[in-house]
Amino acid sequence: MPTAVREQITVVCTDMSANYHEIVRPFLPQAPLVVDKWHVLKMLSECLETVRKEIRETLSDSQRRSLMHDRYLLLKRPHDLSERDTLILEAWLANFSRLEAAYRLF
């Protein structure tokens, strides 16, 4: 790639792999590296799921089944939740502070 073209690149969007960062940095030192939103959200949802599974192990059978079925509520955007869904989600978050902390970060 010609130097003039490289100098016009102001930002590089990539995933979280250090390999990409190591390859791009020597060729585009002036361009900040930005991690794309998809990879960030994917990592956050995996962390949220890990916390949910850890909590699930401490629950009774009926609570465990309920949390399994309510899993999708954790992944929905708040404005997409029905009033009933919001009440269910808020009950889970009120009872499990680690789940609430992970959810609020998401």
N, C-alpha and C. Protein backbone atom coordinates (compact mmCIF):
# COMPACT_ATOMS: atom_id res chain seq x y z
N MET A 1 0.85 -1.17 0.00
CA MET A 1 0.00 0.00 0.00
C MET A 1 0.89 1.23 0.00
N PRO A 2 0.65 2.18 -0.91
CA PRO A 2 1.47 3.39 -0.97
C PRO A 2 1.38 4.19 0.32
N THR A 3 2.46 4.87 0.66
CA THR A 3 2.54 5.65 1.90
C THR A 3 1.45 6.72 1.95
N ALA A 4 1.17 7.37 0.84
CA ALA A 4 0.15 8.42 0.82
C ALA A 4 -1.22 7.87 1.21
N VAL A 5 -1.51 6.69 0.76
CA VAL A 5 -2.80 6.06 1.11
C VAL A 5 -2.81 5.70 2.59
N ARG A 6 -1.72 5.14 3.07
CA ARG A 6 -1.64 4.75 4.49
C ARG A 6 -1.83 5.95 5.41
N GLU A 7 -1.26 7.08 5.02
CA GLU A 7 -1.35 8.29 5.87
C GLU A 7 -2.78 8.83 5.95
N GLN A 8 -3.62 8.49 4.99
CA GLN A 8 -5.01 8.95 4.99
C GLN A 8 -5.90 8.11 5.91
N ILE A 9 -5.43 6.95 6.33
CA ILE A 9 -6.22 6.08 7.21
C ILE A 9 -6.14 6.64 8.62
N THR A 10 -7.30 6.97 9.16
CA THR A 10 -7.33 7.63 10.47
C THR A 10 -7.69 6.69 11.62
N VAL A 11 -8.37 5.57 11.33
CA VAL A 11 -8.78 4.61 12.37
C VAL A 11 -8.79 3.23 11.76
N VAL A 12 -8.41 2.23 12.57
CA VAL A 12 -8.50 0.84 12.13
C VAL A 12 -9.42 0.11 13.09
N CYS A 13 -10.46 -0.49 12.54
CA CYS A 13 -11.41 -1.27 13.34
C CYS A 13 -11.06 -2.75 13.17
N THR A 14 -10.92 -3.45 14.29
CA THR A 14 -10.49 -4.84 14.25
C THR A 14 -11.15 -5.61 15.39
N ASP A 15 -10.89 -6.92 15.44
CA ASP A 15 -11.38 -7.66 16.59
C ASP A 15 -10.33 -7.57 17.70
N MET A 16 -10.48 -8.35 18.75
CA MET A 16 -9.62 -8.21 19.93
C MET A 16 -8.29 -8.94 19.82
N SER A 17 -8.06 -9.63 18.76
CA SER A 17 -6.85 -10.43 18.62
C SER A 17 -5.59 -9.55 18.62
N ALA A 18 -4.66 -9.88 19.48
CA ALA A 18 -3.39 -9.16 19.52
C ALA A 18 -2.62 -9.33 18.22
N ASN A 19 -2.84 -10.45 17.53
CA ASN A 19 -2.15 -10.68 16.26
C ASN A 19 -2.48 -9.59 15.25
N TYR A 20 -3.74 -9.22 15.14
CA TYR A 20 -4.13 -8.14 14.22
C TYR A 20 -3.46 -6.84 14.61
N HIS A 21 -3.44 -6.56 15.89
CA HIS A 21 -2.84 -5.32 16.37
C HIS A 21 -1.35 -5.27 16.04
N GLU A 22 -0.66 -6.39 16.22
CA GLU A 22 0.76 -6.45 15.93
C GLU A 22 1.06 -6.27 14.44
N ILE A 23 0.17 -6.78 13.60
CA ILE A 23 0.36 -6.66 12.15
C ILE A 23 0.08 -5.24 11.68
N VAL A 24 -0.97 -4.63 12.19
CA VAL A 24 -1.39 -3.31 11.73
C VAL A 24 -0.45 -2.20 12.21
N ARG A 25 -0.02 -2.28 13.46
CA ARG A 25 0.74 -1.19 14.08
C ARG A 25 1.94 -0.71 13.25
N PRO A 26 2.82 -1.56 12.71
CA PRO A 26 3.97 -1.05 11.94
C PRO A 26 3.57 -0.32 10.66
N PHE A 27 2.45 -0.71 10.05
CA PHE A 27 2.04 -0.11 8.79
C PHE A 27 1.19 1.14 8.96
N LEU A 28 0.48 1.22 10.08
CA LEU A 28 -0.41 2.35 10.32
C LEU A 28 -0.22 2.89 11.75
N PRO A 29 0.97 3.38 12.07
CA PRO A 29 1.25 3.79 13.45
C PRO A 29 0.42 4.99 13.90
N GLN A 30 -0.05 5.80 12.95
CA GLN A 30 -0.82 6.99 13.29
C GLN A 30 -2.29 6.69 13.59
N ALA A 31 -2.76 5.52 13.18
CA ALA A 31 -4.19 5.20 13.28
C ALA A 31 -4.49 4.45 14.57
N PRO A 32 -5.37 5.00 15.42
CA PRO A 32 -5.75 4.26 16.62
C PRO A 32 -6.51 2.99 16.25
N LEU A 33 -6.31 1.96 17.04
CA LEU A 33 -7.02 0.70 16.84
C LEU A 33 -8.28 0.72 17.69
N VAL A 34 -9.40 0.39 17.07
CA VAL A 34 -10.69 0.36 17.76
C VAL A 34 -11.25 -1.05 17.63
N VAL A 35 -11.65 -1.62 18.75
CA VAL A 35 -12.25 -2.95 18.74
C VAL A 35 -13.71 -2.81 18.32
N ASP A 36 -14.13 -3.64 17.38
CA ASP A 36 -15.50 -3.51 16.89
C ASP A 36 -16.52 -3.93 17.94
N LYS A 37 -17.68 -3.32 17.85
CA LYS A 37 -18.75 -3.50 18.82
C LYS A 37 -19.19 -4.97 18.93
N TRP A 38 -19.26 -5.68 17.83
CA TRP A 38 -19.72 -7.06 17.84
C TRP A 38 -18.86 -7.91 18.78
N HIS A 39 -17.55 -7.76 18.69
CA HIS A 39 -16.66 -8.57 19.54
C HIS A 39 -16.76 -8.18 21.01
N VAL A 40 -16.94 -6.91 21.28
CA VAL A 40 -17.10 -6.47 22.67
C VAL A 40 -18.38 -7.04 23.26
N LEU A 41 -19.49 -6.93 22.52
CA LEU A 41 -20.76 -7.46 23.01
C LEU A 41 -20.74 -8.97 23.16
N LYS A 42 -20.05 -9.64 22.26
CA LYS A 42 -19.93 -11.09 22.35
C LYS A 42 -19.21 -11.48 23.65
N MET A 43 -18.13 -10.80 23.95
CA MET A 43 -17.37 -11.11 25.17
C MET A 43 -18.20 -10.79 26.41
N LEU A 44 -18.90 -9.68 26.39
CA LEU A 44 -19.74 -9.32 27.54
C LEU A 44 -20.86 -10.34 27.75
N SER A 45 -21.50 -10.79 26.68
CA SER A 45 -22.58 -11.77 26.83
C SER A 45 -22.04 -13.10 27.33
N GLU A 46 -20.83 -13.48 26.94
CA GLU A 46 -20.22 -14.71 27.45
C GLU A 46 -19.94 -14.58 28.95
N CYS A 47 -19.49 -13.43 29.39
CA CYS A 47 -19.25 -13.20 30.82
C CYS A 47 -20.56 -13.25 31.61
N LEU A 48 -21.59 -12.63 31.07
CA LEU A 48 -22.90 -12.66 31.72
C LEU A 48 -23.42 -14.09 31.83
N GLU A 49 -23.24 -14.86 30.79
CA GLU A 49 -23.68 -16.26 30.79
C GLU A 49 -22.90 -17.08 31.82
N THR A 50 -21.62 -16.81 31.98
CA THR A 50 -20.80 -17.50 32.98
C THR A 50 -21.32 -17.23 34.39
N VAL A 51 -21.61 -15.97 34.67
CA VAL A 51 -22.15 -15.61 35.99
C VAL A 51 -23.49 -16.28 36.21
N ARG A 52 -24.36 -16.27 35.19
CA ARG A 52 -25.68 -16.91 35.32
C ARG A 52 -25.53 -18.40 35.63
N LYS A 53 -24.61 -19.06 34.96
CA LYS A 53 -24.42 -20.50 35.18
C LYS A 53 -23.86 -20.78 36.58
N GLU A 54 -22.98 -19.91 37.05
CA GLU A 54 -22.44 -20.09 38.40
C GLU A 54 -23.54 -19.94 39.44
N ILE A 55 -24.41 -18.99 39.25
CA ILE A 55 -25.53 -18.78 40.17
C ILE A 55 -26.49 -19.94 40.09
N ARG A 56 -26.75 -20.41 38.89
CA ARG A 56 -27.69 -21.52 38.68
C ARG A 56 -27.29 -22.75 39.50
N GLU A 57 -26.01 -23.00 39.66
CA GLU A 57 -25.54 -24.16 40.41
C GLU A 57 -25.92 -24.11 41.89
N THR A 58 -26.22 -22.92 42.40
CA THR A 58 -26.55 -22.77 43.82
C THR A 58 -28.06 -22.82 44.08
N LEU A 59 -28.86 -22.95 43.02
CA LEU A 59 -30.31 -22.84 43.14
C LEU A 59 -30.99 -24.20 43.30
N SER A 60 -32.22 -24.15 43.76
CA SER A 60 -33.05 -25.36 43.82
C SER A 60 -33.44 -25.73 42.38
N ASP A 61 -33.99 -26.93 42.22
CA ASP A 61 -34.38 -27.39 40.89
C ASP A 61 -35.38 -26.45 40.22
N SER A 62 -36.39 -26.02 40.96
CA SER A 62 -37.42 -25.16 40.36
C SER A 62 -36.85 -23.78 40.02
N GLN A 63 -35.99 -23.24 40.89
CA GLN A 63 -35.35 -21.96 40.59
C GLN A 63 -34.43 -22.09 39.38
N ARG A 64 -33.71 -23.19 39.30
CA ARG A 64 -32.79 -23.43 38.19
C ARG A 64 -33.54 -23.48 36.86
N ARG A 65 -34.67 -24.17 36.84
CA ARG A 65 -35.47 -24.24 35.61
C ARG A 65 -35.99 -22.87 35.22
N SER A 66 -36.40 -22.10 36.20
CA SER A 66 -36.91 -20.77 35.93
C SER A 66 -35.83 -19.86 35.36
N LEU A 67 -34.64 -19.88 35.98
CA LEU A 67 -33.54 -19.05 35.48
C LEU A 67 -33.13 -19.48 34.09
N MET A 68 -33.19 -20.78 33.81
CA MET A 68 -32.85 -21.26 32.47
C MET A 68 -33.81 -20.66 31.44
N HIS A 69 -35.10 -20.64 31.77
CA HIS A 69 -36.10 -20.11 30.84
C HIS A 69 -36.07 -18.58 30.77
N ASP A 70 -35.60 -17.95 31.83
CA ASP A 70 -35.53 -16.49 31.85
C ASP A 70 -34.21 -15.95 31.31
N ARG A 71 -33.35 -16.83 30.87
CA ARG A 71 -32.04 -16.44 30.35
C ARG A 71 -32.14 -15.39 29.26
N TYR A 72 -33.10 -15.56 28.38
CA TYR A 72 -33.23 -14.63 27.25
C TYR A 72 -33.51 -13.20 27.70
N LEU A 73 -34.09 -13.04 28.89
CA LEU A 73 -34.37 -11.70 29.39
C LEU A 73 -33.09 -10.91 29.64
N LEU A 74 -32.05 -11.62 30.04
CA LEU A 74 -30.77 -10.97 30.31
C LEU A 74 -30.14 -10.41 29.02
N LEU A 75 -30.48 -11.01 27.91
CA LEU A 75 -29.86 -10.63 26.64
C LEU A 75 -30.67 -9.61 25.84
N LYS A 76 -31.92 -9.40 26.24
CA LYS A 76 -32.76 -8.44 25.53
C LYS A 76 -32.42 -7.01 25.95
N ARG A 77 -32.64 -6.08 25.06
CA ARG A 77 -32.50 -4.67 25.41
C ARG A 77 -33.66 -4.28 26.30
N PRO A 78 -33.41 -3.42 27.28
CA PRO A 78 -34.49 -3.05 28.21
C PRO A 78 -35.75 -2.54 27.53
N HIS A 79 -35.60 -1.78 26.46
CA HIS A 79 -36.80 -1.24 25.80
C HIS A 79 -37.57 -2.31 25.02
N ASP A 80 -36.97 -3.50 24.85
CA ASP A 80 -37.66 -4.60 24.17
C ASP A 80 -38.38 -5.54 25.14
N LEU A 81 -38.23 -5.30 26.43
CA LEU A 81 -38.87 -6.15 27.44
C LEU A 81 -40.30 -5.71 27.67
N SER A 82 -41.18 -6.68 27.83
CA SER A 82 -42.56 -6.36 28.22
C SER A 82 -42.54 -5.98 29.70
N GLU A 83 -43.66 -5.50 30.18
CA GLU A 83 -43.76 -5.15 31.60
C GLU A 83 -43.54 -6.39 32.47
N ARG A 84 -44.11 -7.51 32.06
CA ARG A 84 -43.95 -8.77 32.79
C ARG A 84 -42.48 -9.21 32.79
N ASP A 85 -41.84 -9.14 31.62
CA ASP A 85 -40.43 -9.51 31.51
C ASP A 85 -39.56 -8.64 32.41
N THR A 86 -39.86 -7.35 32.45
CA THR A 86 -39.09 -6.42 33.29
C THR A 86 -39.22 -6.80 34.75
N LEU A 87 -40.41 -7.15 35.20
CA LEU A 87 -40.61 -7.55 36.59
C LEU A 87 -39.83 -8.82 36.93
N ILE A 88 -39.85 -9.79 36.02
CA ILE A 88 -39.11 -11.04 36.24
C ILE A 88 -37.62 -10.77 36.31
N LEU A 89 -37.13 -9.99 35.36
CA LEU A 89 -35.70 -9.67 35.32
C LEU A 89 -35.28 -8.92 36.58
N GLU A 90 -36.05 -7.94 36.97
CA GLU A 90 -35.70 -7.15 38.15
C GLU A 90 -35.70 -8.02 39.41
N ALA A 91 -36.58 -9.02 39.48
CA ALA A 91 -36.58 -9.93 40.63
C ALA A 91 -35.29 -10.74 40.68
N TRP A 92 -34.84 -11.25 39.55
CA TRP A 92 -33.57 -11.99 39.51
C TRP A 92 -32.42 -11.08 39.91
N LEU A 93 -32.39 -9.88 39.38
CA LEU A 93 -31.29 -8.96 39.67
C LEU A 93 -31.29 -8.53 41.13
N ALA A 94 -32.46 -8.34 41.70
CA ALA A 94 -32.55 -7.93 43.10
C ALA A 94 -32.07 -9.03 44.05
N ASN A 95 -32.23 -10.28 43.64
CA ASN A 95 -31.86 -11.40 44.51
C ASN A 95 -30.42 -11.87 44.34
N PHE A 96 -29.79 -11.49 43.25
CA PHE A 96 -28.44 -11.97 42.98
C PHE A 96 -27.56 -10.79 42.55
N SER A 97 -26.82 -10.25 43.50
CA SER A 97 -26.04 -9.04 43.25
C SER A 97 -24.97 -9.24 42.17
N ARG A 98 -24.36 -10.42 42.10
CA ARG A 98 -23.35 -10.66 41.05
C ARG A 98 -23.99 -10.65 39.67
N LEU A 99 -25.18 -11.22 39.57
CA LEU A 99 -25.90 -11.21 38.30
C LEU A 99 -26.27 -9.78 37.92
N GLU A 100 -26.70 -9.01 38.90
CA GLU A 100 -27.05 -7.62 38.62
C GLU A 100 -25.82 -6.84 38.16
N ALA A 101 -24.68 -7.03 38.84
CA ALA A 101 -23.46 -6.31 38.45
C ALA A 101 -23.05 -6.67 37.02
N ALA A 102 -23.11 -7.95 36.69
CA ALA A 102 -22.74 -8.37 35.33
C ALA A 102 -23.73 -7.80 34.31
N TYR A 103 -25.01 -7.82 34.65
CA TYR A 103 -26.05 -7.32 33.74
C TYR A 103 -25.87 -5.82 33.50
N ARG A 104 -25.61 -5.07 34.56
CA ARG A 104 -25.46 -3.61 34.42
C ARG A 104 -24.24 -3.24 33.60
N LEU A 105 -23.21 -4.07 33.63
CA LEU A 105 -22.02 -3.83 32.79
C LEU A 105 -22.30 -4.11 31.33
N PHE A 106 -23.22 -5.04 31.09
CA PHE A 106 -23.58 -5.45 29.73
C PHE A 106 -24.38 -4.35 29.08
